[in-house]
C-alpha cells in the first residue's frame, strides 16, 4: 500500500513532507532522500498509533484523486507528489513457502553468506529495499 505525499522545499529550508490523506502526519529532512526515509518512518509510526487506538486506517487515494481534489490546491502548489510505501513491522516473522529457480536460489544464498546473513534476512532486506523505492 502506498500513500501520496507532498514534498515542499522553500528557499533556505529543509524538505517538508505531508500526507493529504493523513492529517497531522508530517516529516522533513535536509536532503530529499532523508526526507523520504523520514516520511516512511513517520507514516508507519502514525498508522501504528491509529491501529493501537483501534481506529480504521485511512484509505489511500490515487495520485489522480489527489490532483483532482480542489481542497488541496494550496497543498499542491510548488509541491512534488511522491508515493510513500507503508511498511509496518509487526514484531514476529512468519514462515512462508516460496519458490525460486535453483540458479537464483544459489545466488541468493551466496549473497546472503557474503553479507553474514541468513537467506530469510537477506530476502527480507532485499524486499524492503525494493518496496521502499520511491515511485
Protein backbone atom coordinates (compact mmCIF):
# COMPACT_ATOMS: atom_id res chain seq x y z
CA UNK A 1 0.00 0.00 0.00
CA UNK A 2 1.26 3.50 -0.87
CA UNK A 3 0.12 6.94 0.28
CA UNK A 4 0.51 10.10 -1.77
CA UNK A 5 2.73 12.69 -0.14
CA UNK A 6 3.56 16.27 -1.00
CA UNK A 7 7.20 17.30 -0.81
CA UNK A 8 7.86 21.03 -0.44
CA UNK A 9 11.17 22.84 -0.45
CA UNK A 10 11.31 26.54 0.26
CA UNK A 11 14.47 28.54 -0.19
CA UNK A 12 16.79 28.20 2.84
CA UNK A 13 14.73 25.38 4.36
CA UNK A 14 14.74 21.65 4.58
CA UNK A 15 12.42 19.40 2.58
CA UNK A 16 9.00 19.04 4.16
CA UNK A 17 6.69 16.08 3.57
CA UNK A 18 2.97 15.93 4.29
CA UNK A 19 0.26 13.37 3.61
CA UNK A 20 -3.09 14.73 2.45
CA UNK A 21 -4.90 11.53 3.44
CA UNK A 22 -3.35 11.52 6.92
CA UNK A 23 -3.75 14.92 8.60
CA UNK A 24 -1.05 15.57 11.16
CA UNK A 25 1.44 13.14 9.65
CA UNK A 26 4.45 15.17 8.51
CA UNK A 27 8.16 14.74 8.14
CA UNK A 28 11.25 16.61 7.00
CA UNK A 29 14.86 16.16 6.03
CA UNK A 30 17.89 18.13 4.90
CA UNK A 31 18.04 16.16 1.65
CA UNK A 32 15.26 14.70 -0.45
CA UNK A 33 16.48 11.18 0.32
CA UNK A 34 16.50 11.89 4.06
CA UNK A 35 13.05 13.49 3.88
CA UNK A 36 11.60 10.45 2.09
CA UNK A 37 13.23 8.00 4.51
CA UNK A 38 11.83 10.02 7.42
CA UNK A 39 8.43 10.11 5.68
CA UNK A 40 8.35 6.31 5.51
CA UNK A 41 9.08 6.14 9.24
CA UNK A 42 6.54 8.85 10.08
CA UNK A 43 3.84 7.14 8.02
CA UNK A 44 4.39 3.76 9.69
CA UNK A 45 4.62 5.29 13.18
CA UNK A 46 1.47 7.37 12.70
CA UNK A 47 -0.58 4.47 11.36
CA UNK A 48 0.72 2.08 14.02
CA UNK A 49 -0.71 4.59 16.51
CA UNK A 50 -4.05 4.50 14.71
CA UNK A 51 -4.08 0.70 14.94
CA UNK A 52 -3.14 0.80 18.64
CA UNK A 53 -6.04 3.21 19.22
CA UNK A 54 -8.29 0.79 17.30
CA UNK A 55 -9.06 3.31 14.58
CA UNK A 56 -9.55 2.36 10.97
CA UNK A 57 -6.65 3.23 8.67
CA UNK A 58 -7.46 5.91 6.11
CA UNK A 59 -7.80 4.52 2.61
CA UNK A 60 -5.08 5.98 0.38
CA UNK A 61 -6.30 7.92 -2.63
CA UNK A 62 -4.68 7.69 -6.03
CA UNK A 63 -2.47 10.42 -7.46
CA UNK A 64 -5.29 11.32 -9.88
CA UNK A 65 -7.77 11.66 -7.00
CA UNK A 66 -5.34 13.87 -5.08
CA UNK A 67 -4.73 16.03 -8.17
CA UNK A 68 -8.48 16.41 -8.72
CA UNK A 69 -9.29 17.41 -5.13
CA UNK A 70 -9.98 21.17 -5.18
CA UNK A 71 -9.43 21.46 -1.41
CA UNK A 72 -5.76 20.55 -1.92
CA UNK A 73 -4.88 23.27 -4.43
CA UNK A 74 -2.77 25.16 -1.87
CA UNK A 75 -1.01 21.94 -0.82
CA UNK A 76 -0.17 21.05 -4.41
CA UNK A 77 1.29 24.46 -5.28
CA UNK A 78 5.02 24.06 -5.82
CA UNK A 79 4.97 20.51 -4.45
CA UNK A 80 6.37 17.29 -5.77
CA UNK A 81 3.99 14.36 -5.45
CA UNK A 82 5.52 11.06 -4.39
CA UNK A 83 4.16 7.68 -3.37
CA UNK A 84 5.36 6.57 0.05
CA UNK A 85 5.04 2.86 0.83
CA UNK A 86 3.55 1.70 4.08
CA UNK A 87 5.75 -0.95 5.70
CA UNK A 88 4.89 -1.69 9.32
CA UNK A 89 6.98 -4.05 11.41
CA UNK A 90 4.60 -6.34 13.29
CA UNK A 91 7.22 -7.86 15.57
CA UNK A 92 7.38 -11.51 14.61
CA UNK A 93 8.47 -13.27 11.46
CA UNK A 94 6.07 -15.61 9.69
CA UNK A 95 7.17 -18.74 7.89
CA UNK A 96 6.09 -18.82 4.22
CA UNK A 97 6.71 -21.12 1.30
CA UNK A 98 8.25 -19.51 -1.80
CA UNK A 99 9.70 -20.98 -4.98
CA UNK A 100 12.84 -19.89 -6.84
CA UNK A 101 14.79 -21.06 -9.84
CA UNK A 102 17.69 -23.17 -8.49
CA UNK A 103 20.28 -20.82 -10.02
CA UNK A 104 18.66 -17.77 -8.43
CA UNK A 105 18.42 -19.55 -5.09
CA UNK A 106 22.13 -20.35 -5.25
CA UNK A 107 22.92 -16.69 -6.00
CA UNK A 108 20.69 -15.59 -3.10
CA UNK A 109 22.43 -17.97 -0.72
CA UNK A 110 25.89 -16.83 -1.90
CA UNK A 111 24.95 -13.15 -1.49
CA UNK A 112 23.45 -13.78 1.94
CA UNK A 113 26.51 -15.71 3.10
CA UNK A 114 28.86 -12.98 1.83
CA UNK A 115 26.95 -10.50 3.96
CA UNK A 116 26.79 -12.74 7.03
CA UNK A 117 23.02 -13.01 6.73
CA UNK A 118 20.54 -15.83 6.65
CA UNK A 119 18.56 -16.43 3.46
CA UNK A 120 15.44 -15.09 5.19
CA UNK A 121 17.16 -11.94 6.44
CA UNK A 122 18.66 -11.30 3.02
CA UNK A 123 15.33 -11.75 1.21
CA UNK A 124 13.52 -9.56 3.75
CA UNK A 125 16.15 -6.84 3.35
CA UNK A 126 16.01 -7.02 -0.45
CA UNK A 127 12.21 -6.93 -0.44
CA UNK A 128 12.14 -3.93 1.92
CA UNK A 129 14.60 -2.02 -0.29
CA UNK A 130 12.53 -2.73 -3.39
CA UNK A 131 9.26 -1.74 -1.69
CA UNK A 132 10.74 1.44 -0.24
CA UNK A 133 11.99 2.74 -3.56
CA UNK A 134 10.09 5.95 -4.20
CA UNK A 135 7.83 5.88 -7.20
